[in-house]
Amino acid sequence: MAHDANIGVANTWSAKGLFRWDDPHHLGTVGLQARDLELLGAYDADEVIVTGLDEDEVDVTGVTTFPVAPGDLVDLDLGYQAELVRPPLYEALAAVVQPLYRSEKSPPSPARLLADLAATGERVAARPGTRTAFWVARAFPTSELGQVTFGDNPTIEWGPDDVDWSDTQLLIDVAGPIVAWGGVD
């Protein structure tokens, strides 16, 4: 439906991978930082189609929503084909994260470790409420739904010396404080 109507799709952290990270219709993951919906343009939109939304993941108060059951998306006819424009959210976060994917510093950026891990094709799990989970949710380059999960059995859990956590501030400067899971430790 998104491809046919040429509309963008944002996802929450539990639906990460719904679209490949590099699909032109993927607008980013929302609900992680305070300014995500603002940078997505959700508050300024006439209407935002929402489906399968877990309000514990993102608060859409102030957004004009058009709720659609997941099974009804296929039959949804907008009556037009939109002009797809990526919002400031995607571009601003990409400007921070993409250079970090290639960074050679030591200790490494969380983004570099995630890029290396994504290249293996492995599935990853992170414990919610940690800096590791925040980085996985924000920057893991997914290729399919379910490639990333969050729960009590993490496959990765970085300690204070494993990565350069100062890179987190770069994302906070762009999209505001971390709000997912009530903040991170």
N, C-alpha and C. Protein backbone atom coordinates (compact mmCIF):
# COMPACT_ATOMS: atom_id res chain seq x y z
N MET A 1 0.82 -1.19 0.00
CA MET A 1 0.00 0.00 0.00
C MET A 1 0.87 1.25 0.00
N ALA A 2 1.92 1.29 0.83
CA ALA A 2 2.78 2.47 0.89
C ALA A 2 3.45 2.73 -0.45
N HIS A 3 3.90 1.66 -1.10
CA HIS A 3 4.54 1.83 -2.40
C HIS A 3 3.52 2.28 -3.45
N ASP A 4 2.33 1.67 -3.45
CA ASP A 4 1.31 2.03 -4.44
C ASP A 4 0.84 3.47 -4.29
N ALA A 5 0.65 3.91 -3.04
CA ALA A 5 0.18 5.27 -2.79
C ALA A 5 1.33 6.27 -2.69
N ASN A 6 2.58 5.76 -2.69
CA ASN A 6 3.78 6.58 -2.59
C ASN A 6 3.80 7.39 -1.29
N ILE A 7 3.42 6.74 -0.18
CA ILE A 7 3.45 7.42 1.12
C ILE A 7 4.56 6.83 1.98
N GLY A 8 5.01 7.63 2.90
CA GLY A 8 6.06 7.21 3.82
C GLY A 8 5.47 6.50 5.03
N VAL A 9 6.30 5.66 5.64
CA VAL A 9 5.88 4.89 6.80
C VAL A 9 6.92 5.05 7.90
N ALA A 10 6.46 5.45 9.08
CA ALA A 10 7.31 5.47 10.27
C ALA A 10 6.85 4.30 11.13
N ASN A 11 7.76 3.76 11.91
CA ASN A 11 7.41 2.65 12.79
C ASN A 11 7.88 2.94 14.20
N THR A 12 7.29 2.24 15.16
CA THR A 12 7.77 2.31 16.53
C THR A 12 8.87 1.26 16.69
N TRP A 13 9.51 1.25 17.85
CA TRP A 13 10.66 0.35 18.03
C TRP A 13 10.27 -1.13 17.95
N SER A 14 9.05 -1.49 18.32
CA SER A 14 8.69 -2.92 18.25
C SER A 14 8.38 -3.37 16.82
N ALA A 15 8.17 -2.42 15.93
CA ALA A 15 7.91 -2.76 14.52
C ALA A 15 9.12 -2.43 13.64
N LYS A 16 10.27 -2.31 14.28
CA LYS A 16 11.49 -2.01 13.53
C LYS A 16 11.73 -3.12 12.51
N GLY A 17 12.03 -2.72 11.29
CA GLY A 17 12.23 -3.70 10.22
C GLY A 17 11.01 -3.89 9.35
N LEU A 18 9.90 -3.23 9.71
CA LEU A 18 8.71 -3.31 8.87
C LEU A 18 9.06 -2.93 7.44
N PHE A 19 9.90 -1.91 7.30
CA PHE A 19 10.48 -1.52 6.02
C PHE A 19 11.99 -1.59 6.19
N ARG A 20 12.68 -1.97 5.12
CA ARG A 20 14.15 -1.92 5.16
C ARG A 20 14.56 -0.50 5.53
N TRP A 21 15.64 -0.38 6.24
CA TRP A 21 16.11 0.94 6.67
C TRP A 21 16.38 1.86 5.49
N ASP A 22 16.74 1.30 4.33
CA ASP A 22 17.08 2.13 3.18
C ASP A 22 15.96 2.22 2.14
N ASP A 23 14.78 1.68 2.46
CA ASP A 23 13.63 1.80 1.56
C ASP A 23 13.23 3.28 1.50
N PRO A 24 13.02 3.84 0.33
CA PRO A 24 12.67 5.27 0.25
C PRO A 24 11.36 5.61 0.96
N HIS A 25 10.51 4.62 1.24
CA HIS A 25 9.26 4.87 1.93
C HIS A 25 9.41 4.81 3.46
N HIS A 26 10.58 4.40 3.93
CA HIS A 26 10.82 4.33 5.37
C HIS A 26 11.21 5.70 5.89
N LEU A 27 10.46 6.20 6.85
CA LEU A 27 10.69 7.54 7.37
C LEU A 27 11.45 7.54 8.69
N GLY A 28 11.62 6.37 9.30
CA GLY A 28 12.36 6.28 10.55
C GLY A 28 11.54 5.65 11.66
N THR A 29 12.20 5.48 12.78
CA THR A 29 11.58 4.90 13.97
C THR A 29 11.20 6.04 14.90
N VAL A 30 9.96 6.03 15.38
CA VAL A 30 9.47 7.09 16.27
C VAL A 30 9.14 6.54 17.64
N GLY A 31 9.05 7.45 18.61
CA GLY A 31 8.73 7.06 19.97
C GLY A 31 9.96 6.86 20.83
N LEU A 32 11.13 7.10 20.26
CA LEU A 32 12.37 6.93 21.01
C LEU A 32 12.82 8.21 21.70
N GLN A 33 12.60 9.34 21.05
CA GLN A 33 13.06 10.62 21.57
C GLN A 33 11.93 11.64 21.53
N ALA A 34 12.05 12.65 22.36
CA ALA A 34 10.98 13.62 22.59
C ALA A 34 10.53 14.34 21.32
N ARG A 35 11.42 14.58 20.37
CA ARG A 35 11.05 15.37 19.18
C ARG A 35 10.75 14.52 17.95
N ASP A 36 10.66 13.21 18.10
CA ASP A 36 10.46 12.33 16.94
C ASP A 36 9.24 12.73 16.11
N LEU A 37 8.09 12.89 16.74
CA LEU A 37 6.87 13.20 15.98
C LEU A 37 6.92 14.60 15.38
N GLU A 38 7.53 15.53 16.09
CA GLU A 38 7.70 16.89 15.56
C GLU A 38 8.56 16.84 14.29
N LEU A 39 9.70 16.17 14.37
CA LEU A 39 10.61 16.08 13.22
C LEU A 39 10.02 15.24 12.09
N LEU A 40 9.11 14.34 12.43
CA LEU A 40 8.41 13.55 11.42
C LEU A 40 7.41 14.42 10.66
N GLY A 41 6.97 15.50 11.28
CA GLY A 41 5.96 16.37 10.67
C GLY A 41 4.55 15.92 11.02
N ALA A 42 4.43 15.04 12.00
CA ALA A 42 3.12 14.48 12.35
C ALA A 42 2.16 15.53 12.90
N TYR A 43 2.66 16.50 13.64
CA TYR A 43 1.77 17.52 14.22
C TYR A 43 1.23 18.47 13.16
N ASP A 44 1.96 18.62 12.06
CA ASP A 44 1.55 19.54 10.99
C ASP A 44 0.73 18.84 9.90
N ALA A 45 0.69 17.52 9.92
CA ALA A 45 -0.02 16.77 8.88
C ALA A 45 -1.52 16.92 9.05
N ASP A 46 -2.24 16.94 7.92
CA ASP A 46 -3.70 16.98 7.98
C ASP A 46 -4.24 15.74 8.69
N GLU A 47 -3.60 14.60 8.40
CA GLU A 47 -4.04 13.33 8.97
C GLU A 47 -2.90 12.33 8.87
N VAL A 48 -2.72 11.53 9.92
CA VAL A 48 -1.71 10.49 9.93
C VAL A 48 -2.42 9.15 10.07
N ILE A 49 -2.20 8.27 9.10
CA ILE A 49 -2.78 6.93 9.16
C ILE A 49 -1.99 6.13 10.19
N VAL A 50 -2.68 5.55 11.15
CA VAL A 50 -2.01 4.72 12.16
C VAL A 50 -2.63 3.33 12.16
N THR A 51 -1.77 2.34 12.35
CA THR A 51 -2.24 0.97 12.43
C THR A 51 -1.37 0.20 13.40
N GLY A 52 -1.98 -0.62 14.21
CA GLY A 52 -1.24 -1.45 15.15
C GLY A 52 -0.46 -0.65 16.17
N LEU A 53 -0.89 0.55 16.46
CA LEU A 53 -0.14 1.45 17.33
C LEU A 53 -0.23 1.02 18.79
N ASP A 54 0.91 0.87 19.43
CA ASP A 54 0.98 0.62 20.86
C ASP A 54 1.26 1.97 21.51
N GLU A 55 0.28 2.51 22.19
CA GLU A 55 0.43 3.85 22.76
C GLU A 55 1.46 3.91 23.88
N ASP A 56 1.92 2.74 24.37
CA ASP A 56 3.03 2.73 25.32
C ASP A 56 4.35 3.04 24.62
N GLU A 57 4.37 2.94 23.29
CA GLU A 57 5.60 3.19 22.53
C GLU A 57 5.69 4.61 22.00
N VAL A 58 4.55 5.21 21.70
CA VAL A 58 4.57 6.58 21.21
C VAL A 58 3.24 7.25 21.56
N ASP A 59 3.33 8.45 22.09
CA ASP A 59 2.16 9.24 22.46
C ASP A 59 1.80 10.14 21.28
N VAL A 60 0.64 9.89 20.67
CA VAL A 60 0.24 10.66 19.49
C VAL A 60 -0.73 11.80 19.85
N THR A 61 -0.77 12.18 21.12
CA THR A 61 -1.57 13.33 21.53
C THR A 61 -1.15 14.55 20.71
N GLY A 62 -2.12 15.23 20.13
CA GLY A 62 -1.84 16.40 19.31
C GLY A 62 -1.67 16.09 17.84
N VAL A 63 -1.74 14.80 17.48
CA VAL A 63 -1.63 14.38 16.09
C VAL A 63 -3.03 13.98 15.61
N THR A 64 -3.45 14.48 14.47
CA THR A 64 -4.73 14.08 13.90
C THR A 64 -4.52 12.72 13.23
N THR A 65 -5.11 11.69 13.83
CA THR A 65 -4.88 10.33 13.35
C THR A 65 -6.09 9.78 12.63
N PHE A 66 -5.82 8.86 11.73
CA PHE A 66 -6.84 8.11 11.01
C PHE A 66 -6.54 6.64 11.28
N PRO A 67 -7.17 6.06 12.32
CA PRO A 67 -6.87 4.67 12.67
C PRO A 67 -7.42 3.69 11.63
N VAL A 68 -6.58 2.72 11.26
CA VAL A 68 -6.95 1.68 10.31
C VAL A 68 -6.49 0.34 10.89
N ALA A 69 -7.34 -0.64 10.89
CA ALA A 69 -6.95 -1.98 11.35
C ALA A 69 -5.88 -2.52 10.40
N PRO A 70 -4.87 -3.22 10.92
CA PRO A 70 -3.80 -3.73 10.06
C PRO A 70 -4.30 -4.50 8.83
N GLY A 71 -5.32 -5.32 9.00
CA GLY A 71 -5.85 -6.10 7.89
C GLY A 71 -6.56 -5.28 6.84
N ASP A 72 -6.93 -4.05 7.19
CA ASP A 72 -7.65 -3.18 6.25
C ASP A 72 -6.72 -2.29 5.43
N LEU A 73 -5.44 -2.30 5.72
CA LEU A 73 -4.50 -1.45 4.99
C LEU A 73 -4.46 -1.80 3.50
N VAL A 74 -4.54 -3.07 3.19
CA VAL A 74 -4.44 -3.51 1.80
C VAL A 74 -5.54 -2.88 0.96
N ASP A 75 -6.73 -2.76 1.53
CA ASP A 75 -7.88 -2.23 0.79
C ASP A 75 -8.04 -0.71 0.90
N LEU A 76 -7.16 -0.06 1.65
CA LEU A 76 -7.27 1.37 1.83
C LEU A 76 -6.95 2.09 0.53
N ASP A 77 -7.87 2.91 0.08
CA ASP A 77 -7.66 3.67 -1.16
C ASP A 77 -7.65 5.14 -0.80
N LEU A 78 -6.51 5.78 -0.95
CA LEU A 78 -6.40 7.20 -0.63
C LEU A 78 -7.03 8.08 -1.69
N GLY A 79 -7.22 7.52 -2.88
CA GLY A 79 -7.80 8.28 -3.98
C GLY A 79 -6.80 9.16 -4.70
N TYR A 80 -5.55 9.07 -4.32
CA TYR A 80 -4.50 9.85 -4.98
C TYR A 80 -3.16 9.19 -4.71
N GLN A 81 -2.15 9.65 -5.43
CA GLN A 81 -0.80 9.20 -5.16
C GLN A 81 -0.03 10.41 -4.62
N ALA A 82 0.50 10.26 -3.45
CA ALA A 82 1.18 11.36 -2.78
C ALA A 82 2.57 11.60 -3.37
N GLU A 83 3.10 12.78 -3.10
CA GLU A 83 4.49 13.06 -3.42
C GLU A 83 5.31 12.71 -2.18
N LEU A 84 6.19 11.75 -2.30
CA LEU A 84 6.96 11.28 -1.16
C LEU A 84 8.12 12.22 -0.86
N VAL A 85 8.11 12.75 0.34
CA VAL A 85 9.19 13.62 0.80
C VAL A 85 9.60 13.12 2.18
N ARG A 86 10.89 12.83 2.34
CA ARG A 86 11.35 12.40 3.66
C ARG A 86 11.38 13.61 4.59
N PRO A 87 10.90 13.42 5.81
CA PRO A 87 10.82 14.52 6.76
C PRO A 87 12.17 14.81 7.40
N PRO A 88 12.28 15.92 8.13
CA PRO A 88 13.53 16.25 8.81
C PRO A 88 14.02 15.15 9.76
N LEU A 89 13.11 14.34 10.33
CA LEU A 89 13.51 13.27 11.24
C LEU A 89 14.53 12.36 10.58
N TYR A 90 14.20 11.83 9.43
CA TYR A 90 15.08 10.88 8.76
C TYR A 90 16.41 11.53 8.39
N GLU A 91 16.34 12.68 7.78
CA GLU A 91 17.56 13.35 7.32
C GLU A 91 18.46 13.76 8.48
N ALA A 92 17.88 14.29 9.55
CA ALA A 92 18.68 14.75 10.69
C ALA A 92 19.35 13.58 11.40
N LEU A 93 18.63 12.50 11.58
CA LEU A 93 19.22 11.33 12.24
C LEU A 93 20.26 10.67 11.34
N ALA A 94 19.98 10.59 10.05
CA ALA A 94 20.93 10.00 9.11
C ALA A 94 22.23 10.80 9.08
N ALA A 95 22.13 12.12 9.20
CA ALA A 95 23.33 12.95 9.19
C ALA A 95 24.25 12.63 10.37
N VAL A 96 23.67 12.19 11.48
CA VAL A 96 24.47 11.81 12.64
C VAL A 96 24.94 10.36 12.53
N VAL A 97 24.02 9.46 12.23
CA VAL A 97 24.31 8.03 12.32
C VAL A 97 25.17 7.51 11.17
N GLN A 98 24.91 7.94 9.96
CA GLN A 98 25.64 7.37 8.82
C GLN A 98 27.16 7.55 8.91
N PRO A 99 27.67 8.71 9.29
CA PRO A 99 29.13 8.81 9.47
C PRO A 99 29.64 7.90 10.60
N LEU A 100 28.82 7.71 11.63
CA LEU A 100 29.22 6.85 12.75
C LEU A 100 29.30 5.38 12.33
N TYR A 101 28.50 4.97 11.33
CA TYR A 101 28.58 3.59 10.84
C TYR A 101 29.98 3.29 10.32
N ARG A 102 30.66 4.31 9.79
CA ARG A 102 31.98 4.11 9.18
C ARG A 102 33.12 4.53 10.10
N SER A 103 32.82 5.04 11.26
CA SER A 103 33.83 5.55 12.17
C SER A 103 34.82 4.45 12.59
N GLU A 104 36.08 4.83 12.69
CA GLU A 104 37.15 3.89 13.08
C GLU A 104 37.67 4.17 14.48
N LYS A 105 36.98 5.02 15.24
CA LYS A 105 37.51 5.39 16.55
C LYS A 105 37.47 4.22 17.54
N SER A 106 38.22 4.38 18.62
CA SER A 106 38.27 3.35 19.65
C SER A 106 38.13 4.04 21.01
N PRO A 107 37.20 3.60 21.87
CA PRO A 107 36.24 2.53 21.62
C PRO A 107 35.28 2.93 20.50
N PRO A 108 34.67 1.95 19.88
CA PRO A 108 33.83 2.23 18.71
C PRO A 108 32.52 2.91 19.04
N SER A 109 31.97 3.54 18.04
CA SER A 109 30.62 4.09 18.15
C SER A 109 29.63 2.93 18.20
N PRO A 110 28.53 3.08 18.95
CA PRO A 110 27.49 2.04 18.91
C PRO A 110 27.01 1.80 17.47
N ALA A 111 26.93 2.87 16.68
CA ALA A 111 26.47 2.72 15.29
C ALA A 111 27.41 1.82 14.50
N ARG A 112 28.72 1.94 14.71
CA ARG A 112 29.67 1.09 13.98
C ARG A 112 29.47 -0.37 14.34
N LEU A 113 29.31 -0.65 15.63
CA LEU A 113 29.08 -2.03 16.05
C LEU A 113 27.79 -2.58 15.46
N LEU A 114 26.76 -1.75 15.38
CA LEU A 114 25.49 -2.18 14.81
C LEU A 114 25.61 -2.44 13.32
N ALA A 115 26.32 -1.60 12.61
CA ALA A 115 26.52 -1.81 11.17
C ALA A 115 27.26 -3.11 10.92
N ASP A 116 28.29 -3.37 11.72
CA ASP A 116 29.04 -4.62 11.58
C ASP A 116 28.16 -5.83 11.90
N LEU A 117 27.34 -5.70 12.93
CA LEU A 117 26.44 -6.79 13.30
C LEU A 117 25.37 -7.02 12.23
N ALA A 118 24.82 -5.94 11.68
CA ALA A 118 23.80 -6.06 10.63
C ALA A 118 24.36 -6.76 9.41
N ALA A 119 25.63 -6.54 9.13
CA ALA A 119 26.26 -7.16 7.95
C ALA A 119 26.32 -8.68 8.07
N THR A 120 26.24 -9.20 9.29
CA THR A 120 26.25 -10.66 9.49
C THR A 120 24.90 -11.28 9.20
N GLY A 121 23.83 -10.46 9.18
CA GLY A 121 22.48 -10.97 8.95
C GLY A 121 21.84 -11.58 10.18
N GLU A 122 22.52 -11.51 11.31
CA GLU A 122 21.99 -12.09 12.54
C GLU A 122 20.83 -11.28 13.09
N ARG A 123 20.01 -11.96 13.87
CA ARG A 123 18.95 -11.29 14.61
C ARG A 123 19.54 -10.82 15.94
N VAL A 124 19.05 -9.70 16.44
CA VAL A 124 19.57 -9.17 17.69
C VAL A 124 18.43 -8.89 18.66
N ALA A 125 18.76 -8.99 19.93
CA ALA A 125 17.82 -8.67 20.99
C ALA A 125 18.52 -7.77 21.98
N ALA A 126 17.79 -6.82 22.53
CA ALA A 126 18.35 -5.90 23.51
C ALA A 126 17.37 -5.75 24.67
N ARG A 127 17.92 -5.48 25.83
CA ARG A 127 17.10 -5.29 27.03
C ARG A 127 16.51 -3.88 27.02
N PRO A 128 15.18 -3.73 27.05
CA PRO A 128 14.55 -2.40 27.03
C PRO A 128 15.07 -1.52 28.16
N GLY A 129 15.14 -0.23 27.90
CA GLY A 129 15.52 0.71 28.93
C GLY A 129 17.02 0.90 29.09
N THR A 130 17.80 0.30 28.20
CA THR A 130 19.25 0.46 28.26
C THR A 130 19.73 1.32 27.10
N ARG A 131 20.94 1.84 27.23
CA ARG A 131 21.53 2.59 26.12
C ARG A 131 21.70 1.68 24.91
N THR A 132 22.03 0.42 25.16
CA THR A 132 22.16 -0.53 24.06
C THR A 132 20.85 -0.64 23.30
N ALA A 133 19.73 -0.79 24.02
CA ALA A 133 18.42 -0.91 23.36
C ALA A 133 18.09 0.35 22.59
N PHE A 134 18.40 1.51 23.16
CA PHE A 134 18.14 2.76 22.46
C PHE A 134 18.88 2.78 21.13
N TRP A 135 20.16 2.43 21.14
CA TRP A 135 20.94 2.44 19.90
C TRP A 135 20.44 1.40 18.91
N VAL A 136 20.07 0.22 19.40
CA VAL A 136 19.53 -0.81 18.50
C VAL A 136 18.25 -0.29 17.85
N ALA A 137 17.36 0.28 18.66
CA ALA A 137 16.09 0.78 18.14
C ALA A 137 16.29 1.96 17.18
N ARG A 138 17.24 2.80 17.46
CA ARG A 138 17.45 3.98 16.63
C ARG A 138 18.29 3.70 15.39
N ALA A 139 19.32 2.86 15.50
CA ALA A 139 20.32 2.83 14.43
C ALA A 139 20.62 1.46 13.82
N PHE A 140 20.01 0.37 14.30
CA PHE A 140 20.31 -0.92 13.68
C PHE A 140 19.69 -0.94 12.29
N PRO A 141 20.49 -1.15 11.24
CA PRO A 141 19.95 -1.15 9.87
C PRO A 141 19.22 -2.45 9.55
N THR A 142 17.93 -2.46 9.76
CA THR A 142 17.12 -3.67 9.58
C THR A 142 16.81 -3.94 8.12
N SER A 143 16.58 -5.21 7.86
CA SER A 143 16.17 -5.61 6.51
C SER A 143 14.85 -6.36 6.53
N GLU A 144 14.38 -6.74 7.72
CA GLU A 144 13.10 -7.44 7.80
C GLU A 144 12.50 -7.30 9.20
N LEU A 145 11.18 -7.39 9.27
CA LEU A 145 10.47 -7.33 10.54
C LEU A 145 10.89 -8.53 11.39
N GLY A 146 11.13 -8.29 12.67
CA GLY A 146 11.53 -9.35 13.58
C GLY A 146 13.03 -9.54 13.68
N GLN A 147 13.79 -8.80 12.90
CA GLN A 147 15.24 -8.91 12.97
C GLN A 147 15.76 -8.36 14.30
N VAL A 148 14.99 -7.46 14.89
CA VAL A 148 15.34 -6.85 16.16
C VAL A 148 14.20 -7.11 17.14
N THR A 149 14.55 -7.53 18.35
CA THR A 149 13.55 -7.69 19.41
C THR A 149 14.08 -7.06 20.69
N PHE A 150 13.17 -6.82 21.61
CA PHE A 150 13.52 -6.23 22.88
C PHE A 150 12.88 -7.06 23.97
N GLY A 151 13.67 -7.47 24.95
CA GLY A 151 13.14 -8.29 26.02
C GLY A 151 14.22 -8.62 27.04
N ASP A 152 13.91 -9.59 27.88
CA ASP A 152 14.80 -9.92 29.00
C ASP A 152 15.95 -10.85 28.63
N ASN A 153 16.01 -11.31 27.39
CA ASN A 153 17.09 -12.21 26.96
C ASN A 153 17.90 -11.57 25.84
N PRO A 154 18.73 -10.57 26.19
CA PRO A 154 19.46 -9.86 25.14
C PRO A 154 20.57 -10.71 24.51
N THR A 155 20.79 -10.49 23.24
CA THR A 155 21.94 -11.10 22.56
C THR A 155 23.12 -10.14 22.59
N ILE A 156 22.83 -8.86 22.76
CA ILE A 156 23.90 -7.87 22.94
C ILE A 156 23.57 -6.99 24.14
N GLU A 157 24.58 -6.69 24.88
CA GLU A 157 24.44 -5.81 26.03
C GLU A 157 25.80 -5.20 26.28
N TRP A 158 25.96 -3.94 25.88
CA TRP A 158 27.25 -3.29 25.98
C TRP A 158 27.44 -2.65 27.34
N GLY A 159 28.63 -2.75 27.86
CA GLY A 159 28.99 -2.12 29.11
C GLY A 159 29.58 -0.74 28.89
N PRO A 160 29.98 -0.09 29.98
CA PRO A 160 30.47 1.29 29.89
C PRO A 160 31.75 1.45 29.08
N ASP A 161 32.55 0.40 28.95
CA ASP A 161 33.81 0.51 28.23
C ASP A 161 33.76 -0.10 26.83
N ASP A 162 32.61 -0.67 26.44
CA ASP A 162 32.51 -1.36 25.15
C ASP A 162 32.36 -0.42 23.96
N VAL A 163 31.74 0.73 24.20
CA VAL A 163 31.46 1.67 23.12
C VAL A 163 31.69 3.10 23.60
N ASP A 164 31.73 4.02 22.65
CA ASP A 164 31.84 5.44 22.96
C ASP A 164 30.42 5.98 23.16
N TRP A 165 29.97 6.00 24.39
CA TRP A 165 28.59 6.42 24.68
C TRP A 165 28.38 7.90 24.43
N SER A 166 29.43 8.68 24.28
CA SER A 166 29.25 10.12 24.05
C SER A 166 28.50 10.38 22.74
N ASP A 167 28.51 9.40 21.82
CA ASP A 167 27.75 9.55 20.58
C ASP A 167 26.25 9.68 20.82
N THR A 168 25.80 9.20 21.97
CA THR A 168 24.38 9.32 22.32
C THR A 168 23.96 10.79 22.36
N GLN A 169 24.85 11.63 22.85
CA GLN A 169 24.54 13.06 22.95
C GLN A 169 24.28 13.67 21.58
N LEU A 170 24.95 13.17 20.54
CA LEU A 170 24.73 13.67 19.19
C LEU A 170 23.27 13.45 18.76
N LEU A 171 22.71 12.29 19.12
CA LEU A 171 21.31 12.02 18.78
C LEU A 171 20.36 12.84 19.65
N ILE A 172 20.72 13.03 20.91
CA ILE A 172 19.89 13.86 21.80
C ILE A 172 19.86 15.29 21.29
N ASP A 173 20.99 15.78 20.79
CA ASP A 173 21.02 17.14 20.24
C ASP A 173 20.08 17.30 19.06
N VAL A 174 19.85 16.24 18.31
CA VAL A 174 18.98 16.28 17.13
C VAL A 174 17.51 16.11 17.50
N ALA A 175 17.20 15.08 18.27
CA ALA A 175 15.79 14.70 18.47
C ALA A 175 15.32 14.78 19.92
N GLY A 176 16.11 15.36 20.78
CA GLY A 176 15.68 15.56 22.16
C GLY A 176 15.95 14.38 23.07
N PRO A 177 15.56 14.50 24.32
CA PRO A 177 15.82 13.46 25.31
C PRO A 177 15.20 12.11 24.91
N ILE A 178 15.81 11.06 25.41
CA ILE A 178 15.31 9.70 25.18
C ILE A 178 14.08 9.50 26.04
N VAL A 179 12.95 9.12 25.43
CA VAL A 179 11.71 8.90 26.17
C VAL A 179 11.25 7.45 26.12
N ALA A 180 11.79 6.65 25.22
CA ALA A 180 11.39 5.24 25.12
C ALA A 180 11.65 4.55 26.45
N TRP A 181 10.75 3.68 26.81
CA TRP A 181 10.86 2.90 28.05
C TRP A 181 10.97 3.78 29.29
N GLY A 182 10.48 5.01 29.20
CA GLY A 182 10.57 5.93 30.33
C GLY A 182 11.97 6.50 30.50
N GLY A 183 12.79 6.40 29.48
CA GLY A 183 14.18 6.86 29.53
C GLY A 183 15.10 5.65 29.64
N VAL A 184 16.37 5.89 29.60
CA VAL A 184 17.35 4.80 29.69
C VAL A 184 18.24 5.00 30.88
N ASP A 185 18.88 3.89 31.29
CA ASP A 185 19.77 3.97 32.47
C ASP A 185 21.05 4.70 32.14
